[in-house]
Amino acid sequence: MSHEKRYSQYTEYELQQEIATLREKARKAEQMGMVNELAVLERKAAMAKAYLLNPEDFKPGELFEIEGDPGAYFKIDYINGVFAWGYRLGGAREEEALPISLLKKLAPDQE
């Protein structure tokens, strides 16, 4: 039985290879109409991508647009590893965690 490495243990090159592989599998799943499989693969790719980013670039109190959800905004309360904890604006203000790779900096005219 092989012991799988965690994304935190991957090199930058390995992460990029993993993301490319996941995107290709996601493309095939989408073509075959496998919606659940597509969602899982997209989430895994977002997780791998998060490890290519610097968590220090994401500060508590900052507002971000959520990738893949136009018009949805997320305010960070704190960062834990590659996850931003906070809440969506306009929602029920329930705390949730998103991989930092899903957060898109706002254009200066949106701030």
Protein backbone atom coordinates (compact mmCIF):
# COMPACT_ATOMS: atom_id res chain seq x y z
CA MET A 1 0.00 0.00 0.00
CA SER A 2 1.47 3.36 -1.01
CA HIS A 3 1.50 6.18 1.48
CA GLU A 4 0.17 9.33 -0.19
CA LYS A 5 1.96 12.60 0.42
CA ARG A 6 0.07 15.63 1.65
CA TYR A 7 0.01 18.69 -0.58
CA SER A 8 2.01 20.51 2.11
CA GLN A 9 4.86 18.05 1.42
CA TYR A 10 4.85 18.53 -2.36
CA THR A 11 7.45 20.63 -4.16
CA GLU A 12 6.25 23.53 -6.29
CA TYR A 13 6.86 21.43 -9.42
CA GLU A 14 4.89 18.47 -7.99
CA LEU A 15 1.99 20.80 -7.12
CA GLN A 16 1.93 22.19 -10.66
CA GLN A 17 1.95 18.65 -12.09
CA GLU A 18 -0.86 17.60 -9.74
CA ILE A 19 -2.96 20.64 -10.70
CA ALA A 20 -2.48 19.88 -14.41
CA THR A 21 -3.47 16.24 -13.87
CA LEU A 22 -6.55 17.21 -11.85
CA ARG A 23 -7.63 19.77 -14.46
CA GLU A 24 -7.35 17.15 -17.21
CA LYS A 25 -9.40 14.64 -15.16
CA ALA A 26 -11.95 17.41 -14.44
CA ARG A 27 -12.23 18.21 -18.15
CA LYS A 28 -12.93 14.53 -18.91
CA ALA A 29 -15.45 14.28 -16.06
CA GLU A 30 -17.25 17.36 -17.38
CA GLN A 31 -17.38 15.90 -20.90
CA MET A 32 -18.87 12.70 -19.51
CA GLY A 33 -21.43 14.62 -17.45
CA MET A 34 -20.02 13.40 -14.13
CA VAL A 35 -20.99 16.46 -12.09
CA ASN A 36 -20.07 15.08 -8.65
CA GLU A 37 -16.67 13.86 -9.87
CA LEU A 38 -16.06 17.25 -11.49
CA ALA A 39 -16.80 19.07 -8.21
CA VAL A 40 -14.41 16.82 -6.26
CA LEU A 41 -11.60 17.27 -8.80
CA GLU A 42 -12.07 21.05 -8.91
CA ARG A 43 -11.91 21.19 -5.10
CA LYS A 44 -8.72 19.10 -5.04
CA ALA A 45 -7.13 21.38 -7.65
CA ALA A 46 -8.08 24.44 -5.58
CA MET A 47 -6.45 22.84 -2.53
CA ALA A 48 -3.24 22.06 -4.43
CA LYS A 49 -3.19 25.59 -5.86
CA ALA A 50 -3.52 27.05 -2.35
CA TYR A 51 -0.13 25.58 -1.45
CA LEU A 52 1.48 27.59 -4.27
CA LEU A 53 0.32 30.85 -2.64
CA ASN A 54 1.71 32.75 0.33
CA PRO A 55 -0.83 32.85 3.20
CA GLU A 56 0.83 36.08 4.41
CA ASP A 57 -0.62 37.83 1.33
CA PHE A 58 -4.10 37.38 2.85
CA LYS A 59 -4.81 39.62 5.84
CA PRO A 60 -7.64 39.57 8.38
CA GLY A 61 -10.23 42.22 7.61
CA GLU A 62 -9.56 42.12 3.87
CA LEU A 63 -12.38 41.56 1.43
CA PHE A 64 -12.10 39.20 -1.57
CA GLU A 65 -14.30 38.02 -4.38
CA ILE A 66 -14.86 34.26 -4.37
CA GLU A 67 -13.41 32.56 -7.46
CA GLY A 68 -16.13 30.89 -9.49
CA ASP A 69 -18.90 32.75 -7.67
CA PRO A 70 -19.15 36.21 -9.31
CA GLY A 71 -20.63 38.85 -7.04
CA ALA A 72 -19.96 36.82 -3.87
CA TYR A 73 -17.57 38.41 -1.39
CA PHE A 74 -15.67 36.95 1.55
CA LYS A 75 -14.25 38.82 4.54
CA ILE A 76 -11.30 37.18 6.30
CA ASP A 77 -11.32 36.90 10.10
CA TYR A 78 -8.09 34.90 10.32
CA ILE A 79 -5.75 32.63 8.36
CA ASN A 80 -4.92 29.07 9.43
CA GLY A 81 -2.45 27.36 7.10
CA VAL A 82 -3.76 27.77 3.55
CA PHE A 83 -7.34 28.38 4.72
CA ALA A 84 -8.99 31.75 5.19
CA TRP A 85 -11.63 31.68 7.91
CA GLY A 86 -14.38 34.25 7.76
CA TYR A 87 -17.80 34.80 6.27
CA ARG A 88 -19.57 35.67 3.05
CA LEU A 89 -21.02 39.15 2.87
CA GLY A 90 -24.77 39.31 2.64
CA GLY A 91 -25.14 35.78 3.91
CA ALA A 92 -26.15 34.39 7.29
CA ARG A 93 -22.70 35.40 8.58
CA GLU A 94 -21.83 31.80 9.30
CA GLU A 95 -18.12 31.23 9.73
CA GLU A 96 -16.56 29.06 7.04
CA ALA A 97 -13.11 28.25 5.71
CA LEU A 98 -12.05 28.61 2.09
CA PRO A 99 -8.73 27.67 0.51
CA ILE A 100 -6.87 30.93 -0.20
CA SER A 101 -6.70 29.92 -3.88
CA LEU A 102 -10.46 30.62 -4.13
CA LEU A 103 -10.02 34.24 -3.04
CA LYS A 104 -9.58 36.87 -5.73
CA LYS A 105 -8.23 40.33 -4.89
CA LEU A 106 -10.73 43.06 -5.62
CA ALA A 107 -9.98 45.59 -8.34
CA PRO A 108 -9.12 48.98 -6.78
CA ASP A 109 -12.50 50.39 -7.90
CA GLN A 110 -14.35 47.58 -6.03
CA GLU A 111 -12.78 48.20 -2.60
